[in-house]
């Protein structure tokens, strides 16, 4: 199964023109970071804030600022 994923695909053509291979773009990376990375960072900051309020002591990196 891994060999099928790593194998090079045949060139696809439409009316004689070769289609480009799909690739990850900068915009796709930014959207991925927005929808995946931002909620994870926000959840971590919220948990750190709740722990800081409950314990009366700060444990997160943002406490140094």
Protein backbone atom coordinates (compact mmCIF):
# COMPACT_ATOMS: atom_id res chain seq x y z
CA UNK A 1 0.00 0.00 0.00
CA UNK A 2 2.86 2.36 0.81
CA UNK A 3 4.38 1.68 -2.59
CA UNK A 4 1.18 2.77 -4.29
CA UNK A 5 1.21 6.06 -2.36
CA UNK A 6 4.85 6.76 -3.17
CA UNK A 7 4.66 5.69 -6.80
CA UNK A 8 4.76 8.48 -9.35
CA UNK A 9 1.45 9.07 -11.04
CA UNK A 10 1.04 9.11 -14.76
CA UNK A 11 0.80 12.51 -16.37
CA UNK A 12 -2.77 13.64 -16.80
CA UNK A 13 -3.63 15.49 -19.97
CA UNK A 14 -6.64 17.50 -21.05
CA UNK A 15 -6.95 18.16 -24.77
CA UNK A 16 -3.24 17.53 -25.19
CA UNK A 17 -2.11 19.84 -22.36
CA UNK A 18 -0.30 18.34 -19.39
CA UNK A 19 -1.86 19.17 -16.01
CA UNK A 20 0.36 20.28 -13.13
CA UNK A 21 0.74 18.05 -10.11
CA UNK A 22 -1.29 19.14 -7.07
CA UNK A 23 0.86 20.85 -4.47
CA UNK A 24 0.55 22.49 -1.09
CA UNK A 25 0.44 26.26 -1.45
CA UNK A 26 1.26 29.00 1.03
CA UNK A 27 -2.42 29.94 1.27
CA UNK A 28 -3.39 26.36 2.14
CA UNK A 29 -0.71 26.33 4.83
CA UNK A 30 -2.01 29.60 6.30
CA UNK A 31 -5.61 28.35 6.34
CA UNK A 32 -4.44 25.13 7.99
CA UNK A 33 -2.63 27.08 10.68
CA UNK A 34 -5.68 29.27 11.19
CA UNK A 35 -8.14 26.41 11.59
CA UNK A 36 -5.87 23.96 13.44
CA UNK A 37 -3.08 25.89 15.11
CA UNK A 38 -5.02 28.88 16.41
CA UNK A 39 -7.65 26.85 18.32
CA UNK A 40 -4.94 24.69 19.90
CA UNK A 41 -2.98 27.74 21.02
CA UNK A 42 -6.17 29.41 22.27
CA UNK A 43 -7.18 26.33 24.23
CA UNK A 44 -3.71 26.15 25.80
CA UNK A 45 -3.82 29.79 26.81
CA UNK A 46 -7.28 29.36 28.30
CA UNK A 47 -6.18 26.32 30.31
CA UNK A 48 -3.11 28.21 31.53
CA UNK A 49 -5.28 31.14 32.59
CA UNK A 50 -7.70 28.88 34.48
CA UNK A 51 -4.83 27.12 36.25
CA UNK A 52 -3.25 30.48 37.11
CA UNK A 53 -6.53 31.73 38.58
CA UNK A 54 -7.17 28.51 40.52
CA UNK A 55 -3.64 28.08 41.91
CA UNK A 56 -2.78 31.73 42.35
CA UNK A 57 0.52 31.17 40.54
CA UNK A 58 1.38 31.42 36.86
CA UNK A 59 2.97 28.48 35.05
CA UNK A 60 2.83 29.56 31.40
CA UNK A 61 5.39 31.21 29.15
CA UNK A 62 3.31 34.35 28.84
CA UNK A 63 3.87 35.03 32.56
CA UNK A 64 7.38 36.19 31.77
CA UNK A 65 6.09 39.15 29.74
